Amino acid sequence: MSAKKILTGESLQMEKPPSKTPLKVLCKSCDHHWVAAYLPMPMEKCATLLKSACCPVCGENKAIFLDVSDGDKKAKGEQA
């Protein structure tokens, strides 16, 4: 941002950042839900991230699944 625009009071048009969608996961061992990543993200990075994901509560790294519970509630018309 230039000093001239600040001093003259010209309005600045900022680009809106792309919307980010949380990718929620579930630990089947302790039933903990958390956000593992925010999409959009390159597929390779997302796959690498999810492959190495482990539960922040119990440390499990084999029983991590995508959390679809919010989608089920929305489909049934229930409040999430």
PDB file of N, CA and C in Angstrom:
ATOM      1  N   MET A   1       0.854  -1.167   0.000  1.00  0.00           N
ATOM      2  CA  MET A   1       0.000   0.000   0.000  1.00  0.00           C
ATOM      3  C   MET A   1       0.901   1.231   0.000  1.00  0.00           C
ATOM      4  N   SER A   2       0.625   2.146  -0.890  1.00  0.00           N
ATOM      5  CA  SER A   2       1.485   3.327  -0.982  1.00  0.00           C
ATOM      6  C   SER A   2       1.056   4.394   0.021  1.00  0.00           C
ATOM      7  N   ALA A   3       2.021   5.204   0.431  1.00  0.00           N
ATOM      8  CA  ALA A   3       1.740   6.286   1.376  1.00  0.00           C
ATOM      9  C   ALA A   3       0.817   7.320   0.755  1.00  0.00           C
ATOM     10  N   LYS A   4       0.906   7.492  -0.554  1.00  0.00           N
ATOM     11  CA  LYS A   4       0.070   8.475  -1.233  1.00  0.00           C
ATOM     12  C   LYS A   4      -1.406   8.114  -1.089  1.00  0.00           C
ATOM     13  N   LYS A   5      -1.747   6.850  -1.232  1.00  0.00           N
ATOM     14  CA  LYS A   5      -3.143   6.444  -1.098  1.00  0.00           C
ATOM     15  C   LYS A   5      -3.639   6.635   0.328  1.00  0.00           C
ATOM     16  N   ILE A   6      -2.771   6.398   1.299  1.00  0.00           N
ATOM     17  CA  ILE A   6      -3.169   6.592   2.693  1.00  0.00           C
ATOM     18  C   ILE A   6      -3.426   8.063   2.959  1.00  0.00           C
ATOM     19  N   LEU A   7      -2.542   8.924   2.506  1.00  0.00           N
ATOM     20  CA  LEU A   7      -2.671  10.358   2.765  1.00  0.00           C
ATOM     21  C   LEU A   7      -3.847  10.988   2.046  1.00  0.00           C
ATOM     22  N   THR A   8      -4.150  10.533   0.846  1.00  0.00           N
ATOM     23  CA  THR A   8      -5.238  11.147   0.090  1.00  0.00           C
ATOM     24  C   THR A   8      -6.591  10.528   0.416  1.00  0.00           C
ATOM     25  N   GLY A   9      -6.607   9.417   1.124  1.00  0.00           N
ATOM     26  CA  GLY A   9      -7.867   8.805   1.511  1.00  0.00           C
ATOM     27  C   GLY A   9      -8.533   8.019   0.397  1.00  0.00           C
ATOM     28  N   GLU A  10      -7.798   7.673  -0.646  1.00  0.00           N
ATOM     29  CA  GLU A  10      -8.386   6.863  -1.716  1.00  0.00           C
ATOM     30  C   GLU A  10      -8.752   5.494  -1.165  1.00  0.00           C
ATOM     31  N   SER A  11      -9.888   4.984  -1.625  1.00  0.00           N
ATOM     32  CA  SER A  11     -10.291   3.662  -1.137  1.00  0.00           C
ATOM     33  C   SER A  11      -9.483   2.583  -1.846  1.00  0.00           C
ATOM     34  N   LEU A  12      -9.171   1.580  -1.105  1.00  0.00           N
ATOM     35  CA  LEU A  12      -8.423   0.452  -1.644  1.00  0.00           C
ATOM     36  C   LEU A  12      -9.375  -0.716  -1.837  1.00  0.00           C
ATOM     37  N   GLN A  13      -9.246  -1.403  -2.938  1.00  0.00           N
ATOM     38  CA  GLN A  13     -10.062  -2.583  -3.153  1.00  0.00           C
ATOM     39  C   GLN A  13      -9.186  -3.800  -2.896  1.00  0.00           C
ATOM     40  N   MET A  14      -9.522  -4.515  -1.859  1.00  0.00           N
ATOM     41  CA  MET A  14      -8.763  -5.697  -1.484  1.00  0.00           C
ATOM     42  C   MET A  14      -9.409  -6.919  -2.121  1.00  0.00           C
ATOM     43  N   GLU A  15      -8.584  -7.839  -2.566  1.00  0.00           N
ATOM     44  CA  GLU A  15      -9.114  -9.083  -3.096  1.00  0.00           C
ATOM     45  C   GLU A  15      -9.613  -9.935  -1.940  1.00  0.00           C
ATOM     46  N   LYS A  16     -10.776 -10.530  -2.125  1.00  0.00           N
ATOM     47  CA  LYS A  16     -11.328 -11.402  -1.110  1.00  0.00           C
ATOM     48  C   LYS A  16     -10.573 -12.735  -1.160  1.00  0.00           C
ATOM     49  N   PRO A  17     -10.080 -13.194  -0.018  1.00  0.00           N
ATOM     50  CA  PRO A  17      -9.371 -14.476  -0.036  1.00  0.00           C
ATOM     51  C   PRO A  17     -10.338 -15.599  -0.381  1.00  0.00           C
ATOM     52  N   PRO A  18      -9.844 -16.661  -1.001  1.00  0.00           N
ATOM     53  CA  PRO A  18     -10.737 -17.760  -1.356  1.00  0.00           C
ATOM     54  C   PRO A  18     -11.325 -18.386  -0.095  1.00  0.00           C
ATOM     55  N   SER A  19     -12.571 -18.815  -0.196  1.00  0.00           N
ATOM     56  CA  SER A  19     -13.191 -19.430   0.972  1.00  0.00           C
ATOM     57  C   SER A  19     -12.516 -20.769   1.255  1.00  0.00           C
ATOM     58  N   LYS A  20     -12.419 -21.097   2.508  1.00  0.00           N
ATOM     59  CA  LYS A  20     -11.763 -22.332   2.906  1.00  0.00           C
ATOM     60  C   LYS A  20     -12.780 -23.225   3.601  1.00  0.00           C
ATOM     61  N   THR A  21     -12.780 -24.476   3.214  1.00  0.00           N
ATOM     62  CA  THR A  21     -13.686 -25.459   3.780  1.00  0.00           C
ATOM     63  C   THR A  21     -12.893 -26.407   4.671  1.00  0.00           C
ATOM     64  N   PRO A  22     -13.313 -26.571   5.928  1.00  0.00           N
ATOM     65  CA  PRO A  22     -12.579 -27.475   6.805  1.00  0.00           C
ATOM     66  C   PRO A  22     -12.800 -28.934   6.412  1.00  0.00           C
ATOM     67  N   LEU A  23     -11.748 -29.719   6.443  1.00  0.00           N
ATOM     68  CA  LEU A  23     -11.821 -31.152   6.209  1.00  0.00           C
ATOM     69  C   LEU A  23     -11.735 -31.805   7.581  1.00  0.00           C
ATOM     70  N   LYS A  24     -12.875 -32.289   8.060  1.00  0.00           N
ATOM     71  CA  LYS A  24     -12.946 -32.837   9.410  1.00  0.00           C
ATOM     72  C   LYS A  24     -12.679 -34.333   9.386  1.00  0.00           C
ATOM     73  N   VAL A  25     -11.986 -34.790  10.409  1.00  0.00           N
ATOM     74  CA  VAL A  25     -11.684 -36.211  10.543  1.00  0.00           C
ATOM     75  C   VAL A  25     -12.123 -36.707  11.919  1.00  0.00           C
ATOM     76  N   LEU A  26     -12.180 -38.021  12.040  1.00  0.00           N
ATOM     77  CA  LEU A  26     -12.660 -38.671  13.256  1.00  0.00           C
ATOM     78  C   LEU A  26     -11.703 -39.780  13.647  1.00  0.00           C
ATOM     79  N   CYS A  27     -11.397 -39.852  14.928  1.00  0.00           N
ATOM     80  CA  CYS A  27     -10.598 -40.948  15.460  1.00  0.00           C
ATOM     81  C   CYS A  27     -11.569 -42.009  15.968  1.00  0.00           C
ATOM     82  N   LYS A  28     -11.522 -43.191  15.379  1.00  0.00           N
ATOM     83  CA  LYS A  28     -12.427 -44.268  15.795  1.00  0.00           C
ATOM     84  C   LYS A  28     -12.048 -44.825  17.164  1.00  0.00           C
ATOM     85  N   SER A  29     -10.819 -44.632  17.591  1.00  0.00           N
ATOM     86  CA  SER A  29     -10.390 -45.156  18.888  1.00  0.00           C
ATOM     87  C   SER A  29     -11.003 -44.406  20.058  1.00  0.00           C
ATOM     88  N   CYS A  30     -11.005 -43.065  19.984  1.00  0.00           N
ATOM     89  CA  CYS A  30     -11.503 -42.275  21.115  1.00  0.00           C
ATOM     90  C   CYS A  30     -12.679 -41.373  20.747  1.00  0.00           C
ATOM     91  N   ASP A  31     -13.145 -41.437  19.494  1.00  0.00           N
ATOM     92  CA  ASP A  31     -14.291 -40.666  19.011  1.00  0.00           C
ATOM     93  C   ASP A  31     -14.051 -39.153  19.028  1.00  0.00           C
ATOM     94  N   HIS A  32     -12.801 -38.740  18.895  1.00  0.00           N
ATOM     95  CA  HIS A  32     -12.468 -37.313  18.836  1.00  0.00           C
ATOM     96  C   HIS A  32     -12.607 -36.813  17.395  1.00  0.00           C
ATOM     97  N   HIS A  33     -13.208 -35.639  17.209  1.00  0.00           N
ATOM     98  CA  HIS A  33     -13.376 -35.007  15.905  1.00  0.00           C
ATOM     99  C   HIS A  33     -12.497 -33.774  15.860  1.00  0.00           C
ATOM    100  N   TRP A  34     -11.839 -33.527  14.732  1.00  0.00           N
ATOM    101  CA  TRP A  34     -11.029 -32.324  14.585  1.00  0.00           C
ATOM    102  C   TRP A  34     -10.840 -31.994  13.111  1.00  0.00           C
ATOM    103  N   VAL A  35     -10.373 -30.772  12.850  1.00  0.00           N
ATOM    104  CA  VAL A  35     -10.105 -30.323  11.482  1.00  0.00           C
ATOM    105  C   VAL A  35      -8.663 -30.686  11.146  1.00  0.00           C
ATOM    106  N   ALA A  36      -8.509 -31.516  10.107  1.00  0.00           N
ATOM    107  CA  ALA A  36      -7.175 -31.958   9.702  1.00  0.00           C
ATOM    108  C   ALA A  36      -6.563 -31.042   8.653  1.00  0.00           C
ATOM    109  N   ALA A  37      -7.414 -30.366   7.861  1.00  0.00           N
ATOM    110  CA  ALA A  37      -6.908 -29.499   6.790  1.00  0.00           C
ATOM    111  C   ALA A  37      -8.023 -28.562   6.352  1.00  0.00           C
ATOM    112  N   TYR A  38      -7.654 -27.562   5.601  1.00  0.00           N
ATOM    113  CA  TYR A  38      -8.617 -26.656   4.993  1.00  0.00           C
ATOM    114  C   TYR A  38      -8.478 -26.753   3.483  1.00  0.00           C
ATOM    115  N   LEU A  39      -9.601 -26.931   2.816  1.00  0.00           N
ATOM    116  CA  LEU A  39      -9.621 -27.054   1.359  1.00  0.00           C
ATOM    117  C   LEU A  39     -10.086 -25.746   0.755  1.00  0.00           C
ATOM    118  N   PRO A  40      -9.674 -25.351  -0.409  1.00  0.00           N
ATOM    119  CA  PRO A  40      -8.933 -26.153  -1.377  1.00  0.00           C
ATOM    120  C   PRO A  40      -7.452 -26.240  -1.035  1.00  0.00           C
ATOM    121  N   MET A  41      -6.889 -27.374  -1.388  1.00  0.00           N
ATOM    122  CA  MET A  41      -5.478 -27.671  -1.174  1.00  0.00           C
ATOM    123  C   MET A  41      -5.077 -28.645  -2.285  1.00  0.00           C
ATOM    124  N   PRO A  42      -3.874 -28.553  -2.781  1.00  0.00           N
ATOM    125  CA  PRO A  42      -3.455 -29.524  -3.794  1.00  0.00           C
ATOM    126  C   PRO A  42      -3.647 -30.956  -3.285  1.00  0.00           C
ATOM    127  N   MET A  43      -4.143 -31.829  -4.161  1.00  0.00           N
ATOM    128  CA  MET A  43      -4.473 -33.202  -3.786  1.00  0.00           C
ATOM    129  C   MET A  43      -3.283 -33.945  -3.175  1.00  0.00           C
ATOM    130  N   GLU A  44      -2.089 -33.761  -3.729  1.00  0.00           N
ATOM    131  CA  GLU A  44      -0.913 -34.456  -3.212  1.00  0.00           C
ATOM    132  C   GLU A  44      -0.599 -34.041  -1.780  1.00  0.00           C
ATOM    133  N   LYS A  45      -0.702 -32.746  -1.492  1.00  0.00           N
ATOM    134  CA  LYS A  45      -0.429 -32.262  -0.137  1.00  0.00           C
ATOM    135  C   LYS A  45      -1.475 -32.784   0.839  1.00  0.00           C
ATOM    136  N   CYS A  46      -2.727 -32.779   0.406  1.00  0.00           N
ATOM    137  CA  CYS A  46      -3.807 -33.256   1.267  1.00  0.00           C
ATOM    138  C   CYS A  46      -3.626 -34.742   1.569  1.00  0.00           C
ATOM    139  N   ALA A  47      -3.286 -35.539   0.560  1.00  0.00           N
ATOM    140  CA  ALA A  47      -3.081 -36.976   0.759  1.00  0.00           C
ATOM    141  C   ALA A  47      -1.916 -37.233   1.714  1.00  0.00           C
ATOM    142  N   THR A  48      -0.831 -36.493   1.560  1.00  0.00           N
ATOM    143  CA  THR A  48       0.326 -36.653   2.442  1.00  0.00           C
ATOM    144  C   THR A  48      -0.040 -36.277   3.876  1.00  0.00           C
ATOM    145  N   LEU A  49      -0.776 -35.190   4.030  1.00  0.00           N
ATOM    146  CA  LEU A  49      -1.188 -34.739   5.353  1.00  0.00           C
ATOM    147  C   LEU A  49      -2.076 -35.775   6.040  1.00  0.00           C
ATOM    148  N   LEU A  50      -3.069 -36.286   5.314  1.00  0.00           N
ATOM    149  CA  LEU A  50      -3.984 -37.251   5.908  1.00  0.00           C
ATOM    150  C   LEU A  50      -3.306 -38.597   6.189  1.00  0.00           C
ATOM    151  N   LYS A  51      -2.354 -38.954   5.353  1.00  0.00           N
ATOM    152  CA  LYS A  51      -1.634 -40.211   5.547  1.00  0.00           C
ATOM    153  C   LYS A  51      -0.841 -40.197   6.849  1.00  0.00           C
ATOM    154  N   SER A  52      -0.339 -39.028   7.222  1.00  0.00           N
ATOM    155  CA  SER A  52       0.474 -38.922   8.435  1.00  0.00           C
ATOM    156  C   SER A  52      -0.314 -38.370   9.627  1.00  0.00           C
ATOM    157  N   ALA A  53      -1.636 -38.221   9.493  1.00  0.00           N
ATOM    158  CA  ALA A  53      -2.446 -37.656  10.574  1.00  0.00           C
ATOM    159  C   ALA A  53      -2.537 -38.620  11.751  1.00  0.00           C
ATOM    160  N   CYS A  54      -2.505 -38.051  12.950  1.00  0.00           N
ATOM    161  CA  CYS A  54      -2.745 -38.849  14.148  1.00  0.00           C
ATOM    162  C   CYS A  54      -3.612 -38.022  15.101  1.00  0.00           C
ATOM    163  N   CYS A  55      -4.348 -38.711  15.935  1.00  0.00           N
ATOM    164  CA  CYS A  55      -5.288 -38.062  16.846  1.00  0.00           C
ATOM    165  C   CYS A  55      -4.540 -37.220  17.872  1.00  0.00           C
ATOM    166  N   PRO A  56      -4.942 -35.956  18.061  1.00  0.00           N
ATOM    167  CA  PRO A  56      -4.277 -35.111  19.052  1.00  0.00           C
ATOM    168  C   PRO A  56      -4.632 -35.487  20.488  1.00  0.00           C
ATOM    169  N   VAL A  57      -5.649 -36.339  20.677  1.00  0.00           N
ATOM    170  CA  VAL A  57      -6.049 -36.730  22.031  1.00  0.00           C
ATOM    171  C   VAL A  57      -5.374 -38.023  22.468  1.00  0.00           C
ATOM    172  N   CYS A  58      -5.506 -39.078  21.631  1.00  0.00           N
ATOM    173  CA  CYS A  58      -4.984 -40.390  22.059  1.00  0.00           C
ATOM    174  C   CYS A  58      -3.741 -40.831  21.288  1.00  0.00           C
ATOM    175  N   GLY A  59      -3.389 -40.143  20.207  1.00  0.00           N
ATOM    176  CA  GLY A  59      -2.193 -40.477  19.450  1.00  0.00           C
ATOM    177  C   GLY A  59      -2.383 -41.568  18.408  1.00  0.00           C
ATOM    178  N   GLU A  60      -3.589 -42.074  18.265  1.00  0.00           N
ATOM    179  CA  GLU A  60      -3.870 -43.124  17.278  1.00  0.00           C
ATOM    180  C   GLU A  60      -3.565 -42.608  15.876  1.00  0.00           C
ATOM    181  N   ASN A  61      -2.958 -43.452  15.040  1.00  0.00           N
ATOM    182  CA  ASN A  61      -2.671 -43.011  13.676  1.00  0.00           C
ATOM    183  C   ASN A  61      -3.192 -43.984  12.622  1.00  0.00           C
ATOM    184  N   LYS A  62      -3.837 -45.055  13.035  1.00  0.00           N
ATOM    185  CA  LYS A  62      -4.357 -46.031  12.067  1.00  0.00           C
ATOM    186  C   LYS A  62      -5.866 -45.923  11.875  1.00  0.00           C
ATOM    187  N   ALA A  63      -6.602 -45.474  12.872  1.00  0.00           N
ATOM    188  CA  ALA A  63      -8.059 -45.453  12.816  1.00  0.00           C
ATOM    189  C   ALA A  63      -8.600 -44.037  12.617  1.00  0.00           C
ATOM    190  N   ILE A  64      -8.068 -43.319  11.625  1.00  0.00           N
ATOM    191  CA  ILE A  64      -8.505 -41.956  11.329  1.00  0.00           C
ATOM    192  C   ILE A  64      -9.353 -41.991  10.063  1.00  0.00           C
ATOM    193  N   PHE A  65     -10.567 -41.461  10.147  1.00  0.00           N
ATOM    194  CA  PHE A  65     -11.506 -41.487   9.033  1.00  0.00           C
ATOM    195  C   PHE A  65     -12.085 -40.103   8.800  1.00  0.00           C
ATOM    196  N   LEU A  66     -12.577 -39.853   7.593  1.00  0.00           N
ATOM    197  CA  LEU A  66     -13.266 -38.593   7.320  1.00  0.00           C
ATOM    198  C   LEU A  66     -14.520 -38.522   8.169  1.00  0.00           C
ATOM    199  N   ASP A  67     -14.770 -37.372   8.744  1.00  0.00           N
ATOM    200  CA  ASP A  67     -15.938 -37.166   9.603  1.00  0.00           C
ATOM    201  C   ASP A  67     -17.096 -36.679   8.741  1.00  0.00           C
ATOM    202  N   VAL A  68     -18.109 -37.497   8.606  1.00  0.00           N
ATOM    203  CA  VAL A  68     -19.280 -37.132   7.805  1.00  0.00           C
ATOM    204  C   VAL A  68     -20.491 -36.872   8.676  1.00  0.00           C
ATOM    205  N   SER A  69     -20.316 -36.760   9.973  1.00  0.00           N
ATOM    206  CA  SER A  69     -21.445 -36.585  10.885  1.00  0.00           C
ATOM    207  C   SER A  69     -22.202 -35.291  10.637  1.00  0.00           C
ATOM    208  N   ASP A  70     -21.514 -34.172  10.310  1.00  0.00           N
ATOM    209  CA  ASP A  70     -22.208 -32.919  10.028  1.00  0.00           C
ATOM    210  C   ASP A  70     -23.063 -33.042   8.777  1.00  0.00           C
ATOM    211  N   GLY A  71     -22.551 -33.714   7.774  1.00  0.00           N
ATOM    212  CA  GLY A  71     -23.298 -33.909   6.538  1.00  0.00           C
ATOM    213  C   GLY A  71     -24.553 -34.719   6.765  1.00  0.00           C
ATOM    214  N   ASP A  72     -24.481 -35.744   7.639  1.00  0.00           N
ATOM    215  CA  ASP A  72     -25.650 -36.557   7.939  1.00  0.00           C
ATOM    216  C   ASP A  72     -26.729 -35.730   8.614  1.00  0.00           C
ATOM    217  N   LYS A  73     -26.332 -34.861   9.551  1.00  0.00           N
ATOM    218  CA  LYS A  73     -27.301 -34.027  10.255  1.00  0.00           C
ATOM    219  C   LYS A  73     -27.966 -33.046   9.295  1.00  0.00           C
ATOM    220  N   LYS A  74     -27.180 -32.464   8.390  1.00  0.00           N
ATOM    221  CA  LYS A  74     -27.738 -31.518   7.431  1.00  0.00           C
ATOM    222  C   LYS A  74     -28.701 -32.219   6.481  1.00  0.00           C
ATOM    223  N   ALA A  75     -28.376 -33.447   6.088  1.00  0.00           N
ATOM    224  CA  ALA A  75     -29.233 -34.191   5.177  1.00  0.00           C
ATOM    225  C   ALA A  75     -30.568 -34.531   5.845  1.00  0.00           C
ATOM    226  N   LYS A  76     -30.538 -34.763   7.151  1.00  0.00           N
ATOM    227  CA  LYS A  76     -31.758 -35.107   7.885  1.00  0.00           C
ATOM    228  C   LYS A  76     -32.516 -33.865   8.322  1.00  0.00           C
ATOM    229  N   GLY A  77     -31.947 -32.680   8.123  1.00  0.00           N
ATOM    230  CA  GLY A  77     -32.595 -31.447   8.525  1.00  0.00           C
ATOM    231  C   GLY A  77     -32.368 -31.096   9.981  1.00  0.00           C
ATOM    232  N   GLU A  78     -31.439 -31.764  10.644  1.00  0.00           N
ATOM    233  CA  GLU A  78     -31.137 -31.474  12.040  1.00  0.00           C
ATOM    234  C   GLU A  78     -30.119 -30.355  12.123  1.00  0.00           C
ATOM    235  N   GLN A  79     -30.075 -29.711  13.265  1.00  0.00           N
ATOM    236  CA  GLN A  79     -29.096 -28.643  13.472  1.00  0.00           C
ATOM    237  C   GLN A  79     -27.765 -29.249  13.854  1.00  0.00           C
ATOM    238  N   ALA A  80     -26.689 -28.775  13.217  1.00  0.00           N
ATOM    239  CA  ALA A  80     -25.347 -29.323  13.494  1.00  0.00           C
ATOM    240  C   ALA A  80     -24.808 -28.830  14.799  1.00  0.00           C
TER     241      ALA A  80
END
